[in-house]
Protein backbone atom coordinates (compact mmCIF):
# COMPACT_ATOMS: atom_id res chain seq x y z
CA UNK A 1 154.39 57.68 91.17
CA UNK A 2 155.37 56.70 87.59
CA UNK A 3 153.03 56.09 84.68
CA UNK A 4 152.66 52.76 83.17
CA UNK A 5 151.53 51.59 79.69
CA UNK A 6 148.09 51.15 80.99
CA UNK A 7 148.12 54.54 82.08
CA UNK A 8 149.17 56.14 78.89
CA UNK A 9 146.67 53.93 76.97
CA UNK A 10 143.88 55.06 79.39
CA UNK A 11 144.76 58.73 78.47
CA UNK A 12 144.53 58.13 74.76
CA UNK A 13 141.20 56.20 75.25
CA UNK A 14 139.58 58.97 77.42
CA UNK A 15 140.97 62.09 75.58
CA UNK A 16 138.83 63.40 72.77
CA UNK A 17 140.69 66.12 70.98
CA UNK A 18 144.09 66.71 72.69
CA UNK A 19 146.50 63.87 73.12
CA UNK A 20 149.83 65.65 74.08
CA UNK A 21 151.76 65.03 77.23
CA UNK A 22 151.28 68.51 78.30
CA UNK A 23 147.42 68.00 78.23
CA UNK A 24 147.74 64.76 79.93
CA UNK A 25 149.93 66.29 82.95
CA UNK A 26 147.55 69.10 83.23
CA UNK A 27 144.69 66.77 83.77
CA UNK A 28 146.39 64.12 85.91
CA UNK A 29 146.81 64.32 89.70
CA UNK A 30 150.05 62.55 90.06
CA UNK A 31 152.00 62.54 86.80
CA UNK A 32 154.18 65.50 85.70
CA UNK A 33 155.08 66.25 82.05
CA UNK A 34 158.69 65.13 82.90
CA UNK A 35 157.57 61.70 84.15
CA UNK A 36 155.43 61.37 81.11
CA UNK A 37 158.20 62.11 79.07
CA UNK A 38 160.39 59.78 80.59
CA UNK A 39 158.09 56.93 80.44
CA UNK A 40 157.64 57.28 76.74
CA UNK A 41 161.04 57.71 76.00
CA UNK A 42 162.20 54.82 78.18
CA UNK A 43 159.36 52.29 77.04
CA UNK A 44 159.71 49.76 73.97
CA UNK A 45 156.73 48.24 73.09
CA UNK A 46 157.36 45.39 70.60
CA UNK A 47 155.26 43.73 67.83
CA UNK A 48 155.29 40.85 70.26
CA UNK A 49 153.70 42.71 73.10
CA UNK A 50 151.07 44.11 70.51
CA UNK A 51 150.20 40.62 69.39
CA UNK A 52 149.85 39.08 72.93
CA UNK A 53 147.33 41.85 73.64
CA UNK A 54 145.26 41.49 70.41
CA UNK A 55 145.32 37.66 70.15
CA UNK A 56 142.72 36.82 72.57
CA UNK A 57 140.10 39.03 70.57
CA UNK A 58 140.73 37.60 67.28
CA UNK A 59 138.25 35.02 65.80
CA UNK A 60 140.06 32.84 63.26
CA UNK A 61 138.28 31.71 59.91
CA UNK A 62 139.38 28.79 57.80
CA UNK A 63 138.75 31.35 54.95
CA UNK A 64 140.67 34.38 56.65
CA UNK A 65 141.74 37.08 54.49
CA UNK A 66 145.01 39.09 55.11
CA UNK A 67 145.17 42.64 53.84
CA UNK A 68 148.14 44.79 53.62
CA UNK A 69 148.19 48.56 53.02
CA UNK A 70 149.90 51.58 54.33
CA UNK A 71 148.72 54.98 55.66
CA UNK A 72 150.51 58.10 56.52
CA UNK A 73 150.35 59.92 59.90
CA UNK A 74 150.08 63.68 59.21
CA UNK A 75 152.84 65.76 60.52
CA UNK A 76 152.67 68.50 58.13
CA UNK A 77 153.36 71.21 60.81
CA UNK A 78 156.44 69.54 62.22
CA UNK A 79 159.86 70.51 61.84
CA UNK A 80 162.13 68.50 64.21
CA UNK A 81 160.23 65.07 64.81
CA UNK A 82 162.17 62.05 64.02
CA UNK A 83 160.68 59.30 61.59
CA UNK A 84 158.88 62.18 59.62
CA UNK A 85 159.56 62.18 56.06
CA UNK A 86 158.01 63.54 52.96
CA UNK A 87 155.68 60.97 51.27
CA UNK A 88 152.43 60.53 49.20
CA UNK A 89 149.28 60.32 51.24
CA UNK A 90 146.44 58.53 49.77
CA UNK A 91 144.15 60.38 52.02
CA UNK A 92 145.30 63.84 51.18
CA UNK A 93 146.05 63.04 47.47
CA UNK A 94 149.45 64.69 47.65
CA UNK A 95 152.93 64.61 49.07
CA UNK A 96 152.91 65.61 52.60
CA UNK A 97 155.34 65.33 55.82
CA UNK A 98 154.28 62.26 57.93
CA UNK A 99 155.03 58.90 59.39
CA UNK A 100 154.41 56.01 57.32
CA UNK A 101 152.84 53.10 58.72
CA UNK A 102 152.48 49.76 56.84
CA UNK A 103 149.48 47.71 58.25
CA UNK A 104 148.38 44.23 58.29
CA UNK A 105 144.74 43.49 58.99
CA UNK A 106 143.09 40.04 59.45
CA UNK A 107 139.44 39.68 58.39
CA UNK A 108 136.87 37.06 59.19
CA UNK A 109 134.68 36.92 56.25
CA UNK A 110 131.91 35.10 57.73
CA UNK A 111 131.53 37.39 60.75
CA UNK A 112 132.60 40.54 58.68
CA UNK A 113 134.84 41.56 61.57
CA UNK A 114 138.60 42.52 61.33
CA UNK A 115 141.65 43.02 63.53
CA UNK A 116 144.99 44.90 63.07
CA UNK A 117 147.37 42.03 63.75
CA UNK A 118 150.75 43.68 62.97
CA UNK A 119 152.24 46.68 61.60
CA UNK A 120 155.51 48.30 60.64
CA UNK A 121 156.97 51.86 60.51
CA UNK A 122 158.23 52.90 57.19
CA UNK A 123 161.58 54.36 57.93
CA UNK A 124 164.13 53.33 55.44
CA UNK A 125 166.67 55.76 56.58
CA UNK A 126 166.94 53.84 59.72
CA UNK A 127 166.38 50.23 58.64
CA UNK A 128 166.86 50.27 54.95
CA UNK A 129 163.54 48.46 54.49
CA UNK A 130 160.97 49.27 51.72
CA UNK A 131 157.24 48.70 52.25
CA UNK A 132 157.56 45.60 50.24
CA UNK A 133 160.28 44.30 52.81
CA UNK A 134 157.69 45.05 55.64
CA UNK A 135 155.02 43.30 54.00
CA UNK A 136 157.11 40.09 53.51
CA UNK A 137 158.25 40.41 57.14
CA UNK A 138 154.72 40.60 58.42
CA UNK A 139 153.71 37.69 56.27
CA UNK A 140 156.56 35.37 57.36
CA UNK A 141 155.56 36.49 61.13
CA UNK A 142 151.98 35.39 60.67
CA UNK A 143 152.80 32.15 58.96
CA UNK A 144 155.71 31.20 61.48
CA UNK A 145 154.36 32.53 64.79
CA UNK A 146 150.85 33.69 64.85
CA UNK A 147 149.00 30.41 63.63
CA UNK A 148 146.11 32.25 62.09
CA UNK A 149 144.41 30.40 59.28
CA UNK A 150 144.64 32.48 56.00
CA UNK A 151 143.40 31.73 52.59
CA UNK A 152 143.50 35.04 50.63
CA UNK A 153 145.77 37.96 50.59
CA UNK A 154 144.62 41.37 49.36
CA UNK A 155 146.70 44.46 48.73
CA UNK A 156 146.95 47.49 46.75
CA UNK A 157 148.18 48.04 43.23
CA UNK A 158 151.33 49.54 44.63
CA UNK A 159 152.45 46.03 45.98
CA UNK A 160 151.59 44.43 42.83
CA UNK A 161 155.20 43.45 42.05
CA UNK A 162 156.24 40.13 40.54
CA UNK A 163 158.34 39.17 43.55
CA UNK A 164 155.85 39.65 46.10
CA UNK A 165 153.23 38.02 44.16
CA UNK A 166 155.39 34.98 43.57
CA UNK A 167 156.30 34.82 47.09
CA UNK A 168 152.62 34.90 48.33
CA UNK A 169 151.95 32.12 45.77
CA UNK A 170 154.96 30.22 47.00
CA UNK A 171 153.30 30.12 50.41
CA UNK A 172 150.31 28.32 48.85
CA UNK A 173 148.08 31.48 49.44
CA UNK A 174 145.72 33.00 46.88
CA UNK A 175 146.01 36.70 46.01
CA UNK A 176 143.78 39.25 44.60
CA UNK A 177 145.67 42.33 43.26
CA UNK A 178 144.81 45.57 41.23
CA UNK A 179 146.93 46.49 38.19
CA UNK A 180 147.40 50.13 37.31
CA UNK A 181 146.18 50.87 33.80
CA UNK A 182 149.57 51.26 32.46
CA UNK A 183 150.97 47.45 33.32
CA UNK A 184 151.69 45.52 30.34
CA UNK A 185 150.25 42.11 29.72
CA UNK A 186 149.76 39.62 26.98
CA UNK A 187 146.38 37.60 26.74
CA UNK A 188 147.32 35.52 23.69
CA UNK A 189 148.80 32.02 23.50
CA UNK A 190 151.12 32.84 20.65
CA UNK A 191 153.35 35.23 22.61
CA UNK A 192 152.34 38.48 21.06
CA UNK A 193 153.78 41.59 22.02
CA UNK A 194 152.69 42.85 25.49
CA UNK A 195 149.93 45.70 25.68
CA UNK A 196 148.61 48.01 28.27
CA UNK A 197 146.06 46.39 30.42
CA UNK A 198 143.47 49.08 29.57
CA UNK A 199 143.78 48.43 25.81
CA UNK A 200 143.03 44.77 25.75
CA UNK A 201 139.75 43.60 23.74
CA UNK A 202 137.07 41.68 25.85
CA UNK A 203 134.41 39.38 24.58
CA UNK A 204 131.20 38.86 26.71
CA UNK A 205 132.61 35.47 28.20
CA UNK A 206 135.73 37.10 29.21
CA UNK A 207 133.97 39.99 30.92
CA UNK A 208 131.89 37.56 33.04
CA UNK A 209 134.65 34.87 33.53
CA UNK A 210 138.02 36.69 33.25
CA UNK A 211 140.98 35.81 31.03
CA UNK A 212 144.30 34.11 31.44
CA UNK A 213 147.24 36.48 30.83
CA UNK A 214 151.11 36.96 31.42
CA UNK A 215 152.20 39.97 33.23
CA UNK A 216 155.28 41.64 31.88
CA UNK A 217 158.29 40.89 34.23
CA UNK A 218 156.64 37.74 35.67
CA UNK A 219 158.20 34.41 34.66
CA UNK A 220 156.77 32.94 31.49
CA UNK A 221 155.07 30.22 32.95
CA UNK A 222 153.50 32.32 35.71
CA UNK A 223 149.97 33.10 34.28
CA UNK A 224 147.43 34.56 36.34
CA UNK A 225 143.52 35.31 35.72
CA UNK A 226 142.69 39.01 34.79
CA UNK A 227 139.31 40.45 35.64
CA UNK A 228 137.75 43.77 34.38
CA UNK A 229 135.88 44.95 37.22
CA UNK A 230 133.45 48.17 36.74
CA UNK A 231 133.74 50.02 39.90
CA UNK A 232 131.70 53.21 38.63
CA UNK A 233 130.73 54.79 35.30
CA UNK A 234 134.29 56.46 35.39
CA UNK A 235 136.43 53.75 36.74
CA UNK A 236 137.56 50.17 35.91
CA UNK A 237 139.65 48.21 38.24
CA UNK A 238 141.79 45.58 36.55
CA UNK A 239 142.30 42.64 39.24
CA UNK A 240 144.69 39.75 38.85
CA UNK A 241 144.56 36.52 40.84
CA UNK A 242 146.57 33.29 41.01
CA UNK A 243 143.37 31.50 41.71
CA UNK A 244 143.07 30.15 38.18
CA UNK A 245 139.90 28.28 39.15
CA UNK A 246 138.16 31.74 39.60
CA UNK A 247 135.71 32.15 37.18
CA UNK A 248 133.45 35.15 38.16
CA UNK A 249 133.81 38.73 37.89
CA UNK A 250 131.22 39.21 40.62
CA UNK A 251 132.87 36.70 42.96
CA UNK A 252 136.16 38.66 42.35
CA UNK A 253 134.56 41.88 43.21
CA UNK A 254 133.18 40.64 46.26
CA UNK A 255 136.56 39.23 47.39
CA UNK A 256 138.30 42.51 46.68
CA UNK A 257 135.67 44.41 48.44
CA UNK A 258 137.23 43.32 51.63
CA UNK A 259 140.04 45.62 51.16
CA UNK A 260 137.63 48.26 52.57
CA UNK A 261 138.21 46.84 56.07
CA UNK A 262 141.73 48.17 56.20
CA UNK A 263 140.53 51.67 55.03
CA UNK A 264 137.93 51.37 57.90
CA UNK A 265 140.71 50.57 60.32
CA UNK A 266 142.94 53.49 59.19
CA UNK A 267 140.05 55.97 59.51
CA UNK A 268 139.19 54.78 63.17
CA UNK A 269 142.85 54.40 64.09
CA UNK A 270 143.54 58.17 63.22
CA UNK A 271 140.20 59.56 64.54
CA UNK A 272 139.67 57.78 67.55
CA UNK A 273 143.04 57.10 69.17
CA UNK A 274 145.20 60.19 68.57
CA UNK A 275 147.67 58.34 66.69
CA UNK A 276 148.60 61.24 64.63
CA UNK A 277 148.65 63.94 67.51
CA UNK A 278 151.67 63.15 69.39
CA UNK A 279 154.15 65.96 69.14
CA UNK A 280 157.33 64.39 70.83
CA UNK A 281 160.12 64.83 68.69
CA UNK A 282 162.12 61.56 69.62
CA UNK A 283 161.65 58.49 67.24
CA UNK A 284 161.25 55.96 70.15
CA UNK A 285 158.46 58.19 71.68
CA UNK A 286 156.88 58.33 68.46
CA UNK A 287 156.95 54.47 67.97
CA UNK A 288 155.58 53.93 71.62
CA UNK A 289 152.76 56.35 71.03
CA UNK A 290 151.82 54.64 67.86
CA UNK A 291 151.99 51.32 69.67
CA UNK A 292 149.87 52.46 72.37
CA UNK A 293 147.47 53.88 69.88
CA UNK A 294 147.07 50.43 68.35
CA UNK A 295 146.36 48.74 71.71
CA UNK A 296 143.68 51.46 72.18
CA UNK A 297 141.95 50.80 68.89
CA UNK A 298 141.88 47.02 69.69
CA UNK A 299 140.53 47.84 73.10
CA UNK A 300 137.62 49.93 71.58
CA UNK A 301 136.93 47.44 68.75
CA UNK A 302 136.72 44.57 71.50
CA UNK A 303 134.28 46.48 73.72
CA UNK A 304 132.16 47.84 70.71
CA UNK A 305 131.82 44.21 69.39
CA UNK A 306 130.74 43.04 72.81
CA UNK A 307 128.09 45.92 73.02
CA UNK A 308 127.00 45.81 69.63
CA UNK A 309 128.03 49.30 68.96
CA UNK A 310 130.48 51.15 66.56
CA UNK A 311 133.79 52.47 67.96
CA UNK A 312 132.58 55.95 67.19
CA UNK A 313 129.47 55.42 69.54
CA UNK A 314 131.32 54.22 72.14
CA UNK A 315 133.80 57.24 71.99
CA UNK A 316 130.89 59.64 71.88
CA UNK A 317 129.29 58.20 74.75
CA UNK A 318 132.02 59.45 76.92
CA UNK A 319 131.15 63.01 75.89
CA UNK A 320 127.51 62.39 76.44
CA UNK A 321 128.23 61.22 80.09
CA UNK A 322 130.14 64.44 80.66
CA UNK A 323 127.26 66.41 79.21
CA UNK A 324 124.61 64.95 81.33
CA UNK A 325 126.70 65.55 84.34
CA UNK A 326 127.20 69.12 83.55
CA UNK A 327 123.43 69.50 82.92
CA UNK A 328 122.71 67.97 86.31
CA UNK A 329 125.37 70.09 88.08
CA UNK A 330 127.03 72.66 85.87
CA UNK A 331 130.77 73.60 86.87
CA UNK A 332 129.95 77.07 85.31
CA UNK A 333 126.58 78.13 85.73
CA UNK A 334 124.55 80.36 83.21
CA UNK A 335 123.44 83.87 84.55
CA UNK A 336 121.13 86.15 82.86
CA UNK A 337 120.16 89.71 83.95
CA UNK A 338 116.59 90.04 84.89
């Protein structure tokens, strides 16, 4: 008997801590480690297969949000795993060894629900593509093939390049994007020298309604709306948008708050599917493992929505059922001396 994609995904769905092929083989009556190894090395799960499985669960919205970001699957203790490279991890706040994944999440703002609809492995040594290239590829794929209505694109400050923002605008989409403190802008109409965004002067009206600016490096005619958004007593976000009709800092903050959905996805993806835990060395095996982990997240999310539970509750219930069965009929019974 040979394992299938369903079999491997079921293992990732059912296992709680250990997601290695050795652990799988030890707990399956028919699959040997060699058979599992051959399956994972011989499979090729494409983005089309991922979308075909996820599409039935997505509920579109005319005001849909598209969110791009990246995450690093921690492989700090690996030495010979292909695709692993040193890169900055926002979760660890330092450079670590890992596999970079650029993700695309679709959000229905009315339902406050979200779905992973695409992703790319960041492997510039293999394909020569930057993270910005992957974002543009995924945006093109969505607009050309997926047929989902999208109104707004959100992304991190790392993606706030003139080329990408102009490309999004050319697709008649709205973007909201934070700028780093040291980005240079001009808020005058006279073409004064550019200055750091965190050194601008703001009057009361601008604090509530934003101000028109030119960002250094953008075409002169490409003006954007800049908002000063207080996040905490120690942090200010500088948000730019090509929606020049936007005149509310509060509405801008609310729109940007949708970005938290992709952070939720990254946390659930890593903690519940074993996405980081594969120890296989071959790059193809790592790619297939990550693809199966995406399918497992989608399965968990779909059932959690149907049952009105969180993904974490659904996963914990498996352990609860195990504990109830053990308490009824313990495999190892507790014995005390009289």
